[in-house]
Amino acid sequence: MKLRFFKVLQGLTNKRGQSAITLAMLTISFLLLSGFSLDVANLFIHKTRLQRALDAGGIGGISRYKSGITPTTIKDAAIEIAQYNLHEMGFSDSEITELSGTFTVDADQVATLNLSGKVLVNTIFMRLIPNAALATVTVSSDATARRNPAVISLVLDISGSMSEEIEVLKLAASSFVRSFEEGLDQMAIIAFADMAFLIVPMQPINFATLDSAINGLTANGYTGFSDAIAMGRKELEKVNSTIAVKSMVVFTDGAPTAIRPIFIDGKTPPLPKNYPPPANDQFYDYVALLAHLNQATPPRLLNPSAVTPTCRNACVPAQLPLCNNIANCLNSFAYNDSRGNPGHFSHIASLNSPYTEIRKEGYDLSIIESDYAKTDGTTIYSVGLGTEASVSNDPYQNVNDSSSLKSVLLRRVANDPLTSGDPSFPSSDPDPDLTNNPSHPEGAYFLAENAGELDQLFDTIAQRIKLRLL
């Protein structure tokens, strides 16, 4: 009996000893695992800080990229910025074991700055592992920053209403040009009045050339907004690059008052054919002036090759009734836009007084041409100078008011996010769709209540474009 009891007691004692050993081993394993986890977390934190410092150095360095600046200068600036950030995060010079970089520019003028860095991190528990030499661990990371070339169409309103503010506009435009880099970025300048004029074709930026062109601008005429947007888009299309950042900056101080589409045969009686060869004989090139202080006065046509009246209200009695109404000049009004697609007005409305419907064409065609540009990936920034027309449920904001800024149109042209709160332009089959496409690049509309604000607004747009280059 005593022997059996002793064996039972001995068995319990052995089990308790085994449990204590197991518990001790589990505790040690847990502590080691916890310590290892703390070290891993600490290494991750330091790697994240290193990455942030390298990213800051990359952005700061690439932003210094200008014509004439050496690769060494850019690389050294990036390393200095990264080192400063590491010091601010608590790294000492002895812990920063490597900061290096390379800077290259390829044939497409894309600048690439690569940075690499290594830092030493003191461990907490790994150092306790015998013979592991893990008192410190090296953490490394890399960062790449790129600066793509800018391709810009600068589109400026030089209509007669700009006569008092044209000099201020010139200063703002010249300052805008100097926000970009000679030889690296490209720019075209388009000015518009009755129609658009190509002042400087798309080419690598040369400050002297652009300044001379801007300084030569004078104000006169109507506001051919849609023709200017179409010309700006065509200049951007000259640069066949998927890398370049394409932008259009359009400035105006009023409402669209002229259009220059390709008119189609069907006139009674026929107008003189003045479209330059080898165009189709059925095509006619005319500028339609849509606005007049007297809303009941018919719009008139200009022959752009000579810019002289062709069909207008003021006719001698012998010419009546041919010239007393634009409907007699454009009996079956139809036109194609700049890409050869049927225009909006070819499907709608009358040319008779009060000429409200034909005046809407200046707005509708501007939207169509801007959408072509945005479909190609161009971001549009619109700038308006003056007093905005009141916004109601009318997207044209009184189409017969030709002197006020039409903010709904300018937001729609730029695809400004605020356009979602504006009344929509009408669209109905078979007319072209004027509904805003949310997939288009998002631009912005800027209002300058007076000319003194133009310089700051143009600078803001330049900064937005430059941020998109990185």
Protein backbone atom coordinates (compact mmCIF):
# COMPACT_ATOMS: atom_id res chain seq x y z
CA MET A 1 0.00 0.00 0.00
CA LYS A 2 2.78 2.48 0.92
CA LEU A 3 4.75 1.50 -2.14
CA ARG A 4 1.78 2.19 -4.46
CA PHE A 5 1.19 5.61 -2.87
CA PHE A 6 4.85 6.49 -3.31
CA LYS A 7 4.73 5.66 -7.02
CA VAL A 8 1.65 7.82 -7.52
CA LEU A 9 3.28 10.73 -5.71
CA GLN A 10 6.46 10.28 -7.74
CA GLY A 11 4.41 10.38 -10.99
CA LEU A 12 2.71 13.62 -10.02
CA THR A 13 6.04 15.19 -9.14
CA ASN A 14 7.49 14.25 -12.54
CA LYS A 15 4.48 15.75 -14.37
CA ARG A 16 4.77 18.98 -12.45
CA GLY A 17 8.47 19.21 -13.34
CA GLN A 18 7.75 18.62 -17.00
CA SER A 19 5.04 21.28 -16.97
CA ALA A 20 7.39 23.79 -15.38
CA ILE A 21 10.03 23.09 -18.02
CA THR A 22 7.46 23.40 -20.82
CA LEU A 23 6.14 26.65 -19.40
CA ALA A 24 9.64 28.05 -19.09
CA MET A 25 10.44 27.15 -22.68
CA LEU A 26 7.19 28.69 -23.93
CA THR A 27 7.90 31.87 -21.95
CA ILE A 28 11.37 32.17 -23.42
CA SER A 29 10.02 31.54 -26.92
CA PHE A 30 7.33 34.17 -26.43
CA LEU A 31 9.86 36.72 -25.19
CA LEU A 32 12.18 35.99 -28.11
CA LEU A 33 9.30 36.21 -30.60
CA SER A 34 8.08 39.45 -29.01
CA GLY A 35 11.57 40.90 -29.07
CA PHE A 36 12.03 39.87 -32.69
CA SER A 37 8.68 41.46 -33.58
CA LEU A 38 9.68 44.70 -31.88
CA ASP A 39 12.93 44.76 -33.84
CA VAL A 40 11.12 44.07 -37.12
CA ALA A 41 8.65 46.85 -36.39
CA ASN A 42 11.51 49.20 -35.52
CA LEU A 43 13.28 48.34 -38.78
CA PHE A 44 10.08 48.98 -40.75
CA ILE A 45 9.64 52.40 -39.12
CA HIS A 46 13.21 53.38 -39.97
CA LYS A 47 12.85 52.13 -43.56
CA THR A 48 9.66 54.20 -43.94
CA ARG A 49 11.49 57.29 -42.67
CA LEU A 50 14.36 56.65 -45.05
CA GLN A 51 11.90 56.29 -47.94
CA ARG A 52 10.20 59.56 -47.06
CA ALA A 53 13.54 61.36 -46.94
CA LEU A 54 14.56 59.97 -50.34
CA ASP A 55 11.17 60.88 -51.86
CA ALA A 56 11.53 64.45 -50.58
CA GLY A 57 15.04 64.63 -52.00
CA GLY A 58 13.86 63.31 -55.36
CA ILE A 59 11.03 65.84 -55.67
CA GLY A 60 13.19 68.69 -54.44
CA GLY A 61 16.04 67.79 -56.75
CA ILE A 62 13.98 67.25 -59.91
CA SER A 63 12.17 70.55 -59.33
CA ARG A 64 15.55 72.27 -59.79
CA TYR A 65 15.84 70.88 -63.30
CA LYS A 66 16.36 73.76 -65.71
CA SER A 67 18.21 74.31 -68.93
CA GLY A 68 21.87 74.89 -68.14
CA ILE A 69 21.80 73.25 -64.69
CA THR A 70 24.32 70.39 -64.53
CA PRO A 71 23.34 66.85 -63.50
CA THR A 72 25.81 67.07 -60.60
CA THR A 73 24.09 70.18 -59.24
CA ILE A 74 20.68 68.50 -59.37
CA LYS A 75 21.95 65.27 -57.81
CA ASP A 76 23.80 67.11 -55.01
CA ALA A 77 20.71 69.21 -54.24
CA ALA A 78 18.60 66.05 -53.95
CA ILE A 79 21.11 64.37 -51.62
CA GLU A 80 21.32 67.48 -49.45
CA ILE A 81 17.52 67.59 -49.09
CA ALA A 82 17.36 63.88 -48.24
CA GLN A 83 20.14 64.25 -45.65
CA TYR A 84 18.42 67.23 -44.05
CA ASN A 85 15.20 65.25 -43.70
CA LEU A 86 17.01 62.28 -42.17
CA HIS A 87 18.62 64.58 -39.59
CA GLU A 88 15.20 66.01 -38.76
CA MET A 89 13.93 62.46 -38.23
CA GLY A 90 16.67 61.75 -35.69
CA PHE A 91 19.34 60.00 -37.77
CA SER A 92 22.94 60.94 -37.00
CA ASP A 93 25.67 61.21 -39.62
CA SER A 94 27.22 57.98 -38.32
CA GLU A 95 23.92 56.14 -38.91
CA ILE A 96 23.61 57.40 -42.51
CA THR A 97 26.00 55.08 -44.34
CA GLU A 98 25.05 55.90 -47.94
CA LEU A 99 23.27 58.59 -49.96
CA SER A 100 23.88 58.49 -53.70
CA GLY A 101 22.08 59.39 -56.91
CA THR A 102 22.07 59.57 -60.70
CA PHE A 103 20.42 62.07 -63.05
CA THR A 104 19.67 61.46 -66.73
CA VAL A 105 17.67 63.05 -69.56
CA ASP A 106 16.45 60.85 -72.42
CA ALA A 107 15.72 61.68 -76.04
CA ASP A 108 12.12 62.64 -75.18
CA GLN A 109 13.35 65.28 -72.70
CA VAL A 110 12.17 63.20 -69.74
CA ALA A 111 14.44 63.83 -66.76
CA THR A 112 14.94 60.98 -64.27
CA LEU A 113 16.54 61.32 -60.83
CA ASN A 114 17.34 58.11 -58.94
CA LEU A 115 18.33 58.20 -55.27
CA SER A 116 19.59 55.38 -53.02
CA GLY A 117 20.18 55.39 -49.28
CA LYS A 118 21.27 53.16 -46.42
CA VAL A 119 21.04 53.69 -42.66
CA LEU A 120 22.14 51.70 -39.60
CA VAL A 121 19.43 50.75 -37.09
CA ASN A 122 20.24 49.60 -33.54
CA THR A 123 18.37 46.45 -32.54
CA ILE A 124 16.82 45.74 -29.16
CA PHE A 125 16.60 41.96 -28.83
CA MET A 126 18.39 40.69 -31.94
CA ARG A 127 21.67 41.82 -30.40
CA LEU A 128 21.12 39.21 -27.64
CA ILE A 129 21.39 36.29 -30.06
CA PRO A 130 24.84 34.74 -29.51
CA ASN A 131 27.28 34.96 -32.45
CA ALA A 132 24.62 36.55 -34.73
CA ALA A 133 26.32 39.99 -35.02
CA LEU A 134 22.92 41.69 -35.11
CA ALA A 135 23.58 44.62 -32.80
CA THR A 136 22.89 46.84 -35.84
CA VAL A 137 21.05 46.14 -39.09
CA THR A 138 21.44 48.06 -42.37
CA VAL A 139 18.20 49.27 -43.94
CA SER A 140 18.18 50.44 -47.57
CA SER A 141 15.69 52.08 -49.93
CA ASP A 142 15.44 53.78 -53.34
CA ALA A 143 13.40 56.59 -54.86
CA THR A 144 12.80 57.75 -58.42
CA ALA A 145 11.51 61.17 -59.50
CA ARG A 146 10.70 62.16 -63.06
CA ARG A 147 10.01 65.47 -64.74
CA ASN A 148 8.10 65.16 -68.02
CA PRO A 149 8.18 67.92 -70.65
CA ALA A 150 5.31 70.43 -70.82
CA VAL A 151 3.50 71.15 -74.08
CA ILE A 152 1.24 74.20 -73.83
CA SER A 153 -1.08 76.19 -76.07
CA LEU A 154 -1.49 79.71 -74.66
CA VAL A 155 -4.70 81.16 -76.11
CA LEU A 156 -5.28 84.91 -75.58
CA ASP A 157 -8.31 87.11 -76.25
CA ILE A 158 -7.30 90.31 -78.08
CA SER A 159 -10.82 91.43 -79.05
CA GLY A 160 -11.73 95.12 -78.98
CA SER A 161 -12.94 95.01 -75.38
CA MET A 162 -9.35 94.27 -74.28
CA SER A 163 -8.02 97.60 -75.56
CA GLU A 164 -7.63 99.09 -72.06
CA GLU A 165 -6.20 95.94 -70.46
CA ILE A 166 -4.02 94.53 -73.23
CA GLU A 167 -0.75 95.78 -71.70
CA VAL A 168 -1.50 94.10 -68.36
CA LEU A 169 -2.34 90.88 -70.21
CA LYS A 170 1.01 91.03 -72.03
CA LEU A 171 2.91 91.27 -68.74
CA ALA A 172 0.99 88.33 -67.24
CA ALA A 173 1.52 86.23 -70.38
CA SER A 174 5.27 86.94 -70.47
CA SER A 175 5.58 86.01 -66.80
CA PHE A 176 3.67 82.78 -67.47
CA VAL A 177 6.05 81.87 -70.30
CA ARG A 178 9.05 82.27 -67.97
CA SER A 179 7.59 79.75 -65.54
CA PHE A 180 8.75 77.04 -67.94
CA GLU A 181 12.10 76.04 -69.35
CA GLU A 182 13.80 77.08 -72.56
CA GLY A 183 14.69 74.18 -74.80
CA LEU A 184 12.91 71.66 -72.56
CA ASP A 185 9.22 72.60 -72.72
CA GLN A 186 7.22 73.58 -75.80
CA MET A 187 4.62 76.31 -76.30
CA ALA A 188 2.41 77.83 -78.98
CA ILE A 189 0.70 81.22 -78.74
CA ILE A 190 -2.70 81.79 -80.32
CA ALA A 191 -4.46 85.16 -80.24
CA PHE A 192 -8.08 85.61 -81.23
CA ALA A 193 -10.51 88.34 -82.17
CA ASP A 194 -12.93 87.82 -85.09
CA MET A 195 -10.96 84.63 -85.68
CA ALA A 196 -7.85 82.90 -84.34
CA PHE A 197 -4.32 83.87 -85.33
CA LEU A 198 -1.31 81.61 -84.92
CA ILE A 199 1.21 84.01 -83.38
CA VAL A 200 3.88 81.43 -82.52
CA PRO A 201 3.58 77.82 -83.75
CA MET A 202 4.35 74.98 -81.37
CA GLN A 203 8.10 74.89 -80.74
CA PRO A 204 10.66 74.59 -77.91
CA ILE A 205 10.34 77.62 -75.67
CA ASN A 206 12.55 80.57 -76.52
CA PHE A 207 11.91 83.53 -74.25
CA ALA A 208 12.99 86.16 -76.78
CA THR A 209 10.74 84.77 -79.51
CA LEU A 210 7.69 84.50 -77.27
CA ASP A 211 8.23 87.90 -75.65
CA SER A 212 8.47 89.57 -79.05
CA ALA A 213 5.25 87.92 -80.21
CA ILE A 214 3.37 88.84 -77.03
CA ASN A 215 4.56 92.45 -77.12
CA GLY A 216 3.22 92.81 -80.65
CA LEU A 217 -0.40 92.03 -79.73
CA THR A 218 -3.06 94.71 -80.25
CA ALA A 219 -6.77 94.64 -79.40
CA ASN A 220 -9.52 94.80 -82.01
CA GLY A 221 -12.57 92.89 -83.22
CA TYR A 222 -15.10 90.34 -81.97
CA THR A 223 -14.51 87.19 -79.86
CA GLY A 224 -13.95 84.01 -81.88
CA PHE A 225 -13.60 81.70 -78.89
CA SER A 226 -14.30 78.35 -80.60
CA ASP A 227 -11.88 79.01 -83.48
CA ALA A 228 -9.13 79.78 -80.97
CA ILE A 229 -9.71 76.57 -78.99
CA ALA A 230 -9.62 74.55 -82.21
CA MET A 231 -6.33 76.15 -83.24
CA GLY A 232 -4.84 75.59 -79.78
CA ARG A 233 -5.77 71.91 -79.99
CA LYS A 234 -4.25 71.55 -83.47
CA GLU A 235 -0.95 72.96 -82.21
CA LEU A 236 -0.90 70.45 -79.35
CA GLU A 237 -1.53 67.64 -81.82
CA LYS A 238 1.75 68.48 -83.54
CA VAL A 239 3.61 66.93 -80.58
CA ASN A 240 3.24 63.18 -80.95
CA SER A 241 4.19 62.10 -77.45
CA THR A 242 2.49 59.97 -74.81
CA ILE A 243 4.91 61.29 -72.19
CA ALA A 244 4.48 65.05 -72.60
CA VAL A 245 2.02 66.81 -70.28
CA LYS A 246 -0.35 68.71 -72.57
CA SER A 247 -2.22 71.79 -71.38
CA MET A 248 -4.26 74.59 -72.91
CA VAL A 249 -4.65 77.95 -71.16
CA VAL A 250 -7.48 80.05 -72.60
CA PHE A 251 -8.10 83.66 -71.59
CA THR A 252 -11.12 85.83 -72.45
CA ASP A 253 -12.92 88.89 -71.13
CA GLY A 254 -16.37 88.27 -72.59
CA ALA A 255 -18.82 85.99 -74.37
CA PRO A 256 -18.29 84.25 -77.72
CA THR A 257 -19.43 86.57 -80.51
CA ALA A 258 -17.97 84.95 -83.65
CA ILE A 259 -17.54 81.50 -85.19
CA ARG A 260 -15.46 80.28 -88.10
CA PRO A 261 -16.63 76.81 -89.06
CA ILE A 262 -16.54 75.24 -92.50
CA PHE A 263 -19.83 76.19 -94.12
CA ILE A 264 -21.42 73.63 -96.38
CA ASP A 265 -22.98 74.16 -99.84
CA GLY A 266 -26.71 74.81 -99.90
CA LYS A 267 -26.72 78.59 -99.85
CA THR A 268 -29.25 80.45 -101.96
CA PRO A 269 -27.84 82.34 -103.73
CA PRO A 270 -24.38 80.74 -103.49
CA LEU A 271 -21.59 82.68 -101.79
CA PRO A 272 -18.19 83.18 -103.43
CA LYS A 273 -15.97 80.15 -102.87
CA ASN A 274 -12.97 81.38 -100.93
CA TYR A 275 -11.86 78.29 -99.00
CA PRO A 276 -8.19 77.63 -99.84
CA PRO A 277 -7.47 74.65 -102.11
CA PRO A 278 -7.46 71.69 -102.18
CA ALA A 279 -10.68 71.89 -100.18
CA ASN A 280 -13.94 70.52 -101.47
CA ASP A 281 -15.72 72.94 -103.81
CA GLN A 282 -18.74 72.73 -101.55
CA PHE A 283 -16.86 74.14 -98.56
CA TYR A 284 -16.88 77.84 -97.69
CA ASP A 285 -14.64 79.60 -95.18
CA TYR A 286 -16.41 82.50 -93.49
CA VAL A 287 -16.43 84.17 -90.11
CA ALA A 288 -19.93 84.71 -88.75
CA LEU A 289 -20.14 87.72 -86.42
CA LEU A 290 -22.98 86.81 -84.11
CA ALA A 291 -23.40 89.73 -81.71
CA HIS A 292 -24.49 93.34 -82.02
CA LEU A 293 -25.47 96.02 -79.57
CA ASN A 294 -28.86 96.01 -81.26
CA GLN A 295 -30.11 92.48 -80.67
CA ALA A 296 -32.47 92.74 -83.63
CA THR A 297 -29.63 93.48 -86.05
CA PRO A 298 -28.78 90.39 -88.10
CA PRO A 299 -25.37 88.74 -87.71
CA ARG A 300 -23.05 89.23 -90.67
CA LEU A 301 -20.40 87.25 -92.50
CA LEU A 302 -16.78 88.13 -93.13
CA ASN A 303 -14.47 86.73 -95.75
CA PRO A 304 -11.38 85.89 -93.61
CA SER A 305 -8.98 85.98 -96.51
CA ALA A 306 -9.58 89.71 -96.85
CA VAL A 307 -11.54 90.28 -93.61
CA THR A 308 -14.11 92.39 -95.43
CA PRO A 309 -17.90 92.21 -95.14
CA THR A 310 -19.51 89.75 -97.50
CA CYS A 311 -23.07 89.49 -96.25
CA ARG A 312 -24.26 92.14 -93.82
CA ASN A 313 -27.20 94.26 -92.83
CA ALA A 314 -26.05 97.54 -94.41
CA CYS A 315 -26.78 97.09 -98.11
CA VAL A 316 -27.58 99.54 -100.84
CA PRO A 317 -31.19 99.36 -102.09
CA ALA A 318 -30.16 97.64 -105.30
CA GLN A 319 -28.92 94.64 -103.27
CA LEU A 320 -32.04 94.21 -101.23
CA PRO A 321 -33.51 91.86 -100.19
CA LEU A 322 -30.38 89.72 -100.65
CA CYS A 323 -28.39 91.31 -97.81
CA ASN A 324 -30.99 92.47 -95.34
CA ASN A 325 -31.12 89.17 -93.50
CA ILE A 326 -28.39 86.59 -92.85
CA ALA A 327 -30.94 83.90 -93.69
CA ASN A 328 -30.69 85.02 -97.30
CA CYS A 329 -26.95 84.42 -97.22
CA LEU A 330 -27.16 81.10 -95.38
CA ASN A 331 -30.41 79.75 -96.67
CA SER A 332 -29.80 76.20 -95.45
CA PHE A 333 -27.37 76.88 -92.63
CA ALA A 334 -25.04 73.92 -92.10
CA TYR A 335 -21.39 73.57 -91.19
CA ASN A 336 -18.68 71.17 -90.11
CA ASP A 337 -16.49 71.66 -87.06
CA SER A 338 -12.68 71.58 -87.17
CA ARG A 339 -12.66 67.78 -87.37
CA GLY A 340 -15.20 67.64 -90.19
CA ASN A 341 -18.16 66.58 -88.06
CA PRO A 342 -21.56 68.21 -88.57
CA GLY A 343 -22.06 71.28 -86.41
CA HIS A 344 -24.77 71.75 -83.85
CA PHE A 345 -26.79 74.39 -85.68
CA SER A 346 -27.08 72.30 -88.82
CA HIS A 347 -29.95 70.48 -87.09
CA ILE A 348 -31.79 73.22 -85.25
CA ALA A 349 -33.70 76.43 -85.21
CA SER A 350 -34.22 79.45 -87.38
CA LEU A 351 -31.93 82.22 -88.52
CA ASN A 352 -34.67 84.78 -88.14
CA SER A 353 -34.83 87.60 -85.58
CA PRO A 354 -34.02 87.79 -82.67
CA TYR A 355 -31.14 85.53 -83.80
CA THR A 356 -30.92 83.84 -80.40
CA GLU A 357 -30.34 80.35 -81.78
CA ILE A 358 -27.48 81.23 -84.08
CA ARG A 359 -25.74 83.10 -81.24
CA LYS A 360 -25.77 79.91 -79.20
CA GLU A 361 -23.47 78.40 -81.80
CA GLY A 362 -20.54 80.38 -80.40
CA TYR A 363 -21.04 78.52 -77.11
CA ASP A 364 -21.88 75.09 -78.50
CA LEU A 365 -18.98 75.01 -80.92
CA SER A 366 -16.57 76.10 -78.15
CA ILE A 367 -17.71 73.12 -76.07
CA ILE A 368 -17.35 70.72 -78.99
CA GLU A 369 -13.82 71.92 -79.78
CA SER A 370 -12.74 71.82 -76.12
CA ASP A 371 -14.07 68.27 -75.76
CA TYR A 372 -11.95 67.18 -78.71
CA ALA A 373 -8.88 68.51 -76.89
CA LYS A 374 -9.82 66.84 -73.59
CA THR A 375 -10.51 63.53 -75.32
CA ASP A 376 -6.89 63.69 -76.51
CA GLY A 377 -5.75 64.04 -72.88
CA THR A 378 -5.30 67.82 -72.76
CA THR A 379 -6.03 69.62 -69.49
CA ILE A 380 -7.69 73.00 -70.04
CA TYR A 381 -7.42 76.01 -67.73
CA SER A 382 -9.76 78.92 -68.49
CA VAL A 383 -9.29 82.48 -67.23
CA GLY A 384 -12.05 85.09 -67.33
CA LEU A 385 -11.59 88.83 -66.79
CA GLY A 386 -14.49 91.05 -65.77
CA THR A 387 -18.00 90.68 -64.39
CA GLU A 388 -19.74 87.33 -64.55
CA ALA A 389 -23.29 87.08 -65.85
CA SER A 390 -25.80 85.87 -63.29
CA VAL A 391 -26.30 82.12 -63.18
CA SER A 392 -29.84 80.80 -63.47
CA ASN A 393 -31.24 77.71 -65.15
CA ASP A 394 -29.95 79.05 -68.47
CA PRO A 395 -26.50 77.62 -69.37
CA TYR A 396 -26.01 80.45 -71.89
CA GLN A 397 -26.65 83.05 -69.17
CA ASN A 398 -28.63 85.20 -71.64
CA VAL A 399 -27.02 84.55 -75.00
CA ASN A 400 -27.92 88.06 -76.17
CA ASP A 401 -25.68 89.55 -73.45
CA SER A 402 -22.34 89.66 -75.25
CA SER A 403 -20.40 91.77 -72.76
CA SER A 404 -20.54 89.70 -69.55
CA LEU A 405 -18.34 86.72 -68.72
CA LYS A 406 -20.12 83.41 -69.14
CA SER A 407 -18.80 81.40 -66.19
CA VAL A 408 -20.95 78.35 -66.98
CA LEU A 409 -19.32 78.07 -70.40
CA LEU A 410 -15.79 78.66 -69.07
CA ARG A 411 -16.22 76.02 -66.36
CA ARG A 412 -17.65 73.58 -68.92
CA VAL A 413 -14.76 74.18 -71.34
CA ALA A 414 -12.22 73.49 -68.57
CA ASN A 415 -14.14 70.60 -67.00
CA ASP A 416 -13.91 72.42 -63.69
CA PRO A 417 -15.32 70.29 -60.83
CA LEU A 418 -17.77 73.09 -60.04
CA THR A 419 -19.48 72.54 -63.38
CA SER A 420 -21.51 69.81 -61.70
CA GLY A 421 -23.61 72.53 -60.08
CA ASP A 422 -24.25 74.43 -63.32
CA PRO A 423 -27.23 74.07 -65.65
CA SER A 424 -26.45 71.65 -68.48
CA PHE A 425 -26.13 72.64 -72.09
CA PRO A 426 -28.87 71.01 -74.19
CA SER A 427 -28.15 67.82 -76.08
CA SER A 428 -30.60 65.92 -78.23
CA ASP A 429 -30.11 63.55 -81.12
CA PRO A 430 -28.98 64.14 -83.85
CA ASP A 431 -27.09 67.13 -82.41
CA PRO A 432 -23.55 66.64 -81.05
CA ASP A 433 -23.56 65.65 -77.40
CA LEU A 434 -22.81 68.65 -75.16
CA THR A 435 -23.09 66.65 -71.94
CA ASN A 436 -19.97 66.89 -69.79
CA ASN A 437 -17.83 63.75 -69.86
CA PRO A 438 -16.56 62.98 -66.32
CA SER A 439 -13.69 60.90 -67.73
CA HIS A 440 -12.11 63.97 -69.32
CA PRO A 441 -9.07 65.53 -67.61
CA GLU A 442 -10.12 67.86 -64.80
CA GLY A 443 -9.07 71.46 -65.37
CA ALA A 444 -10.07 74.67 -63.64
CA TYR A 445 -11.72 78.04 -64.27
CA PHE A 446 -10.20 81.18 -62.71
CA LEU A 447 -11.94 84.55 -62.37
CA ALA A 448 -10.00 87.83 -62.40
CA GLU A 449 -12.35 90.60 -61.30
CA ASN A 450 -9.77 93.14 -62.46
CA ALA A 451 -6.68 93.03 -64.68
CA GLY A 452 -4.37 93.42 -61.68
CA GLU A 453 -5.18 89.82 -60.68
CA LEU A 454 -4.08 88.29 -63.98
CA ASP A 455 -0.40 87.87 -63.11
CA GLN A 456 -1.19 85.91 -59.94
CA LEU A 457 -3.77 83.72 -61.68
CA PHE A 458 -1.43 82.88 -64.55
CA ASP A 459 1.26 82.02 -62.00
CA THR A 460 -1.17 79.72 -60.17
CA ILE A 461 -1.93 77.91 -63.42
CA ALA A 462 1.78 77.58 -64.19
CA GLN A 463 2.38 75.98 -60.79
CA ARG A 464 -0.48 73.54 -61.35
CA ILE A 465 0.97 72.51 -64.70
CA LYS A 466 4.46 72.12 -63.24
CA LEU A 467 3.15 69.86 -60.47
CA ARG A 468 1.68 67.61 -63.15
CA LEU A 469 5.13 67.28 -64.73
CA LEU A 470 6.50 65.38 -61.72
